[in-house]
PDB file of N, CA and C in Angstrom:
ATOM      1  N   UNK A   1       0.926  -1.330   0.207  1.00  0.00           N
ATOM      2  CA  UNK A   1       0.151  -0.026   0.045  1.00  0.00           C
ATOM      3  C   UNK A   1       0.904   1.352  -0.089  1.00  0.00           C
ATOM      4  N   UNK A   2       0.796   2.110  -0.928  1.00  0.00           N
ATOM      5  CA  UNK A   2       1.279   3.476  -0.762  1.00  0.00           C
ATOM      6  C   UNK A   2       0.852   4.347   0.078  1.00  0.00           C
ATOM      7  N   UNK A   3       1.848   5.218   0.414  1.00  0.00           N
ATOM      8  CA  UNK A   3       1.286   5.895   1.418  1.00  0.00           C
ATOM      9  C   UNK A   3       0.320   7.080   1.070  1.00  0.00           C
ATOM     10  N   UNK A   4      -0.116   7.270   0.116  1.00  0.00           N
ATOM     11  CA  UNK A   4      -1.276   8.061  -0.455  1.00  0.00           C
ATOM     12  C   UNK A   4      -2.309   6.846  -0.283  1.00  0.00           C
ATOM     13  N   UNK A   5      -2.383   5.571  -0.532  1.00  0.00           N
ATOM     14  CA  UNK A   5      -3.624   4.935  -0.152  1.00  0.00           C
ATOM     15  C   UNK A   5      -3.699   4.656   1.472  1.00  0.00           C
ATOM     16  N   UNK A   6      -2.518   4.804   2.147  1.00  0.00           N
ATOM     17  CA  UNK A   6      -2.767   4.756   3.624  1.00  0.00           C
ATOM     18  C   UNK A   6      -3.336   5.812   4.005  1.00  0.00           C
ATOM     19  N   UNK A   7      -3.169   7.151   3.718  1.00  0.00           N
ATOM     20  CA  UNK A   7      -3.811   8.308   3.852  1.00  0.00           C
ATOM     21  C   UNK A   7      -5.382   8.308   3.554  1.00  0.00           C
ATOM     22  N   UNK A   8      -5.582   7.774   2.440  1.00  0.00           N
ATOM     23  CA  UNK A   8      -6.888   7.815   2.110  1.00  0.00           C
ATOM     24  C   UNK A   8      -7.726   6.923   2.952  1.00  0.00           C
ATOM     25  N   UNK A   9      -7.243   5.598   3.753  1.00  0.00           N
ATOM     26  CA  UNK A   9      -7.755   4.939   4.230  1.00  0.00           C
ATOM     27  C   UNK A   9      -8.203   5.447   5.542  1.00  0.00           C
ATOM     28  N   UNK A  10      -6.939   6.131   5.977  1.00  0.00           N
ATOM     29  CA  UNK A  10      -7.412   6.505   7.421  1.00  0.00           C
ATOM     30  C   UNK A  10      -8.461   7.668   7.300  1.00  0.00           C
ATOM     31  N   UNK A  11      -8.588   8.498   6.044  1.00  0.00           N
ATOM     32  CA  UNK A  11      -9.483   9.715   5.594  1.00  0.00           C
ATOM     33  C   UNK A  11     -10.800   9.233   6.138  1.00  0.00           C
ATOM     34  N   UNK A  12     -11.024   8.281   5.345  1.00  0.00           N
ATOM     35  CA  UNK A  12     -12.196   7.647   4.906  1.00  0.00           C
ATOM     36  C   UNK A  12     -12.697   6.828   6.584  1.00  0.00           C
ATOM     37  N   UNK A  13     -11.655   6.205   7.358  1.00  0.00           N
ATOM     38  CA  UNK A  13     -12.117   5.664   8.292  1.00  0.00           C
ATOM     39  C   UNK A  13     -12.671   6.773   9.479  1.00  0.00           C
ATOM     40  N   UNK A  14     -11.904   7.715   9.344  1.00  0.00           N
ATOM     41  CA  UNK A  14     -12.394   9.397  10.097  1.00  0.00           C
ATOM     42  C   UNK A  14     -13.939   9.491   9.986  1.00  0.00           C
ATOM     43  N   UNK A  15     -14.475   9.138   8.821  1.00  0.00           N
ATOM     44  CA  UNK A  15     -15.998   9.579   8.165  1.00  0.00           C
ATOM     45  C   UNK A  15     -17.158   8.676   8.530  1.00  0.00           C
ATOM     46  N   UNK A  16     -16.607   7.336   8.108  1.00  0.00           N
ATOM     47  CA  UNK A  16     -17.323   6.150   7.774  1.00  0.00           C
ATOM     48  C   UNK A  16     -17.593   5.222   8.880  1.00  0.00           C
ATOM     49  N   UNK A  17     -18.660   4.939   9.531  1.00  0.00           N
ATOM     50  CA  UNK A  17     -18.827   4.608  10.517  1.00  0.00           C
ATOM     51  C   UNK A  17     -18.997   3.343  10.647  1.00  0.00           C
ATOM     52  N   UNK A  18     -19.664   2.925   9.341  1.00  0.00           N
ATOM     53  CA  UNK A  18     -19.378   1.042   9.309  1.00  0.00           C
ATOM     54  C   UNK A  18     -17.935   0.573   9.386  1.00  0.00           C
ATOM     55  N   UNK A  19     -17.066   1.491   8.556  1.00  0.00           N
ATOM     56  CA  UNK A  19     -15.699   1.127   8.636  1.00  0.00           C
ATOM     57  C   UNK A  19     -15.009   1.507   9.975  1.00  0.00           C
ATOM     58  N   UNK A  20     -15.481   2.116  11.147  1.00  0.00           N
ATOM     59  CA  UNK A  20     -15.033   2.050  12.059  1.00  0.00           C
ATOM     60  C   UNK A  20     -15.370   0.970  13.000  1.00  0.00           C
ATOM     61  N   UNK A  21     -16.823   0.356  12.908  1.00  0.00           N
ATOM     62  CA  UNK A  21     -17.185  -0.724  13.488  1.00  0.00           C
ATOM     63  C   UNK A  21     -16.579  -2.002  12.902  1.00  0.00           C
ATOM     64  N   UNK A  22     -16.203  -1.811  11.577  1.00  0.00           N
ATOM     65  CA  UNK A  22     -15.305  -3.112  11.365  1.00  0.00           C
ATOM     66  C   UNK A  22     -14.167  -3.347  11.949  1.00  0.00           C
ATOM     67  N   UNK A  23     -13.089  -2.063  12.167  1.00  0.00           N
ATOM     68  CA  UNK A  23     -12.105  -2.044  12.703  1.00  0.00           C
ATOM     69  C   UNK A  23     -11.808  -2.595  14.072  1.00  0.00           C
ATOM     70  N   UNK A  24     -13.145  -1.887  14.968  1.00  0.00           N
ATOM     71  CA  UNK A  24     -13.227  -2.295  16.507  1.00  0.00           C
ATOM     72  C   UNK A  24     -13.294  -3.953  16.690  1.00  0.00           C
ATOM     73  N   UNK A  25     -14.388  -4.391  15.572  1.00  0.00           N
ATOM     74  CA  UNK A  25     -14.776  -5.679  15.976  1.00  0.00           C
ATOM     75  C   UNK A  25     -13.553  -6.711  15.506  1.00  0.00           C
ATOM     76  N   UNK A  26     -12.870  -6.116  14.389  1.00  0.00           N
ATOM     77  CA  UNK A  26     -11.839  -6.707  14.084  1.00  0.00           C
ATOM     78  C   UNK A  26     -10.585  -6.652  15.369  1.00  0.00           C
ATOM     79  N   UNK A  27     -10.267  -5.587  15.545  1.00  0.00           N
ATOM     80  CA  UNK A  27      -9.469  -5.803  17.127  1.00  0.00           C
ATOM     81  C   UNK A  27      -9.987  -6.710  18.038  1.00  0.00           C
ATOM     82  N   UNK A  28     -11.244  -6.782  18.338  1.00  0.00           N
ATOM     83  CA  UNK A  28     -11.654  -7.646  19.524  1.00  0.00           C
ATOM     84  C   UNK A  28     -11.230  -9.225  18.855  1.00  0.00           C
ATOM     85  N   UNK A  29     -11.723  -9.303  17.576  1.00  0.00           N
ATOM     86  CA  UNK A  29     -11.478 -10.506  17.377  1.00  0.00           C
ATOM     87  C   UNK A  29     -10.003 -11.383  17.673  1.00  0.00           C
ATOM     88  N   UNK A  30      -9.186 -10.419  16.799  1.00  0.00           N
ATOM     89  CA  UNK A  30      -7.672 -10.485  17.078  1.00  0.00           C
ATOM     90  C   UNK A  30      -7.346 -10.596  18.280  1.00  0.00           C
ATOM     91  N   UNK A  31      -7.869  -9.924  18.980  1.00  0.00           N
ATOM     92  CA  UNK A  31      -7.386 -10.116  20.856  1.00  0.00           C
ATOM     93  C   UNK A  31      -7.493 -11.398  21.607  1.00  0.00           C
ATOM     94  N   UNK A  32      -8.956 -11.973  21.039  1.00  0.00           N
ATOM     95  CA  UNK A  32      -9.543 -13.052  21.463  1.00  0.00           C
ATOM     96  C   UNK A  32      -8.796 -14.060  20.882  1.00  0.00           C
ATOM     97  N   UNK A  33      -8.303 -14.052  19.551  1.00  0.00           N
ATOM     98  CA  UNK A  33      -8.071 -15.259  18.772  1.00  0.00           C
ATOM     99  C   UNK A  33      -6.305 -15.313  19.431  1.00  0.00           C
ATOM    100  N   UNK A  34      -5.756 -14.350  20.035  1.00  0.00           N
ATOM    101  CA  UNK A  34      -4.773 -14.472  20.667  1.00  0.00           C
ATOM    102  C   UNK A  34      -4.578 -14.607  21.940  1.00  0.00           C
ATOM    103  N   UNK A  35      -5.559 -15.177  22.565  1.00  0.00           N
ATOM    104  CA  UNK A  35      -5.608 -15.749  24.021  1.00  0.00           C
ATOM    105  C   UNK A  35      -5.976 -14.382  25.126  1.00  0.00           C
ATOM    106  N   UNK A  36      -6.550 -13.067  24.337  1.00  0.00           N
ATOM    107  CA  UNK A  36      -6.674 -12.107  25.195  1.00  0.00           C
ATOM    108  C   UNK A  36      -8.143 -12.054  25.543  1.00  0.00           C
ATOM    109  N   UNK A  37      -8.714 -11.826  26.896  1.00  0.00           N
ATOM    110  CA  UNK A  37     -10.073 -11.695  27.075  1.00  0.00           C
ATOM    111  C   UNK A  37     -10.482 -10.258  27.082  1.00  0.00           C
ATOM    112  N   UNK A  38     -10.272  -9.511  26.347  1.00  0.00           N
ATOM    113  CA  UNK A  38     -10.812  -7.987  26.440  1.00  0.00           C
ATOM    114  C   UNK A  38     -11.908  -7.710  25.441  1.00  0.00           C
ATOM    115  N   UNK A  39     -12.685  -6.467  25.636  1.00  0.00           N
ATOM    116  CA  UNK A  39     -13.801  -6.427  24.955  1.00  0.00           C
ATOM    117  C   UNK A  39     -13.430  -5.398  23.975  1.00  0.00           C
ATOM    118  N   UNK A  40     -14.506  -5.232  23.171  1.00  0.00           N
ATOM    119  CA  UNK A  40     -14.100  -3.897  22.102  1.00  0.00           C
ATOM    120  C   UNK A  40     -13.966  -2.773  22.739  1.00  0.00           C
ATOM    121  N   UNK A  41     -14.708  -2.243  23.548  1.00  0.00           N
ATOM    122  CA  UNK A  41     -14.501  -0.878  24.214  1.00  0.00           C
ATOM    123  C   UNK A  41     -13.157  -0.927  25.101  1.00  0.00           C
ATOM    124  N   UNK A  42     -13.047  -2.041  25.532  1.00  0.00           N
ATOM    125  CA  UNK A  42     -11.525  -2.023  26.551  1.00  0.00           C
ATOM    126  C   UNK A  42     -10.134  -1.685  25.728  1.00  0.00           C
ATOM    127  N   UNK A  43     -10.202  -2.514  24.613  1.00  0.00           N
ATOM    128  CA  UNK A  43      -9.285  -2.152  23.616  1.00  0.00           C
ATOM    129  C   UNK A  43      -9.297  -1.018  23.124  1.00  0.00           C
ATOM    130  N   UNK A  44     -10.185  -0.266  22.644  1.00  0.00           N
ATOM    131  CA  UNK A  44     -10.350   0.861  22.267  1.00  0.00           C
ATOM    132  C   UNK A  44      -9.868   1.770  23.115  1.00  0.00           C
ATOM    133  N   UNK A  45     -10.437   1.488  24.627  1.00  0.00           N
ATOM    134  CA  UNK A  45      -9.797   2.883  25.247  1.00  0.00           C
ATOM    135  C   UNK A  45      -8.224   2.595  25.677  1.00  0.00           C
ATOM    136  N   UNK A  46      -7.961   1.748  25.771  1.00  0.00           N
ATOM    137  CA  UNK A  46      -6.344   1.259  25.392  1.00  0.00           C
ATOM    138  C   UNK A  46      -5.490   1.972  24.594  1.00  0.00           C
ATOM    139  N   UNK A  47      -6.052   1.650  23.074  1.00  0.00           N
ATOM    140  CA  UNK A  47      -5.585   2.235  21.800  1.00  0.00           C
ATOM    141  C   UNK A  47      -5.615   3.961  22.250  1.00  0.00           C
ATOM    142  N   UNK A  48      -6.515   4.178  22.189  1.00  0.00           N
ATOM    143  CA  UNK A  48      -6.703   5.858  22.447  1.00  0.00           C
ATOM    144  C   UNK A  48      -5.776   6.572  23.452  1.00  0.00           C
ATOM    145  N   UNK A  49      -5.375   5.818  24.899  1.00  0.00           N
ATOM    146  CA  UNK A  49      -4.678   5.963  25.648  1.00  0.00           C
ATOM    147  C   UNK A  49      -3.093   6.205  25.388  1.00  0.00           C
ATOM    148  N   UNK A  50      -2.753   4.917  24.525  1.00  0.00           N
ATOM    149  CA  UNK A  50      -1.379   4.863  23.925  1.00  0.00           C
ATOM    150  C   UNK A  50      -1.363   5.754  22.850  1.00  0.00           C
ATOM    151  N   UNK A  51      -2.422   6.363  21.865  1.00  0.00           N
ATOM    152  CA  UNK A  51      -1.848   7.172  20.625  1.00  0.00           C
ATOM    153  C   UNK A  51      -2.365   8.508  21.275  1.00  0.00           C
ATOM    154  N   UNK A  52      -2.678   8.711  22.213  1.00  0.00           N
ATOM    155  CA  UNK A  52      -2.569  10.158  22.917  1.00  0.00           C
ATOM    156  C   UNK A  52      -1.280  10.456  23.457  1.00  0.00           C
ATOM    157  N   UNK A  53      -0.382   9.603  23.712  1.00  0.00           N
ATOM    158  CA  UNK A  53       0.641   9.991  24.355  1.00  0.00           C
ATOM    159  C   UNK A  53       1.880   9.692  23.015  1.00  0.00           C
ATOM    160  N   UNK A  54       3.020  10.382  23.158  1.00  0.00           N
ATOM    161  CA  UNK A  54       4.207  10.186  22.412  1.00  0.00           C
ATOM    162  C   UNK A  54       4.419   8.975  22.181  1.00  0.00           C
ATOM    163  N   UNK A  55       4.469   8.231  20.803  1.00  0.00           N
ATOM    164  CA  UNK A  55       4.570   6.743  20.878  1.00  0.00           C
ATOM    165  C   UNK A  55       6.103   6.847  19.992  1.00  0.00           C
ATOM    166  N   UNK A  56       7.012   5.615  20.270  1.00  0.00           N
ATOM    167  CA  UNK A  56       7.923   5.731  19.356  1.00  0.00           C
ATOM    168  C   UNK A  56       7.644   5.868  17.658  1.00  0.00           C
ATOM    169  N   UNK A  57       8.755   6.164  16.744  1.00  0.00           N
ATOM    170  CA  UNK A  57       8.440   6.731  15.366  1.00  0.00           C
ATOM    171  C   UNK A  57       7.723   5.076  14.728  1.00  0.00           C
ATOM    172  N   UNK A  58       7.812   3.929  15.258  1.00  0.00           N
ATOM    173  CA  UNK A  58       7.282   2.752  14.323  1.00  0.00           C
ATOM    174  C   UNK A  58       6.807   1.829  15.324  1.00  0.00           C
ATOM    175  N   UNK A  59       6.190   2.079  16.058  1.00  0.00           N
ATOM    176  CA  UNK A  59       5.139   1.088  17.032  1.00  0.00           C
ATOM    177  C   UNK A  59       4.719   0.139  16.144  1.00  0.00           C
ATOM    178  N   UNK A  60       4.625  -1.188  16.820  1.00  0.00           N
ATOM    179  CA  UNK A  60       4.429  -2.185  16.100  1.00  0.00           C
ATOM    180  C   UNK A  60       2.353  -2.327  16.816  1.00  0.00           C
ATOM    181  N   UNK A  61       1.755  -2.247  15.547  1.00  0.00           N
ATOM    182  CA  UNK A  61       0.033  -2.772  16.036  1.00  0.00           C
ATOM    183  C   UNK A  61      -0.356  -3.573  14.896  1.00  0.00           C
ATOM    184  N   UNK A  62       0.959  -3.996  14.053  1.00  0.00           N
ATOM    185  CA  UNK A  62       0.228  -4.202  13.051  1.00  0.00           C
ATOM    186  C   UNK A  62       0.445  -6.457  13.337  1.00  0.00           C
ATOM    187  N   UNK A  63       0.965  -6.649  14.312  1.00  0.00           N
ATOM    188  CA  UNK A  63       1.008  -8.127  14.758  1.00  0.00           C
ATOM    189  C   UNK A  63       0.600  -8.136  15.867  1.00  0.00           C
ATOM    190  N   UNK A  64      -0.092  -9.399  16.178  1.00  0.00           N
ATOM    191  CA  UNK A  64      -1.015  -9.746  17.474  1.00  0.00           C
ATOM    192  C   UNK A  64       0.134 -10.114  18.307  1.00  0.00           C
ATOM    193  N   UNK A  65      -0.234  -9.770  19.670  1.00  0.00           N
ATOM    194  CA  UNK A  65       1.119 -10.113  20.908  1.00  0.00           C
ATOM    195  C   UNK A  65       1.275 -11.233  20.872  1.00  0.00           C
ATOM    196  N   UNK A  66       2.377 -11.817  20.914  1.00  0.00           N
ATOM    197  CA  UNK A  66       2.965 -13.224  20.729  1.00  0.00           C
ATOM    198  C   UNK A  66       3.855 -13.589  19.256  1.00  0.00           C
ATOM    199  N   UNK A  67       3.406 -12.752  18.346  1.00  0.00           N
ATOM    200  CA  UNK A  67       4.095 -13.495  16.892  1.00  0.00           C
ATOM    201  C   UNK A  67       5.240 -12.651  17.049  1.00  0.00           C
TER     202      UNK A  67
END
């Protein structure tokens, strides 16, 4: 995916409530598949907390824990 495509995706994500729901549900499924019992709301709250602080230049959220 090009940088421009990534930007377009996040631009759409900011406005598209259906896509937002898909992301949140996918995050919960990913966590559960990796053995974590966290709800969609709990995961969203944790991501919000982490993204509000300054993160390293390349945080790894693309892989489930343990991989």
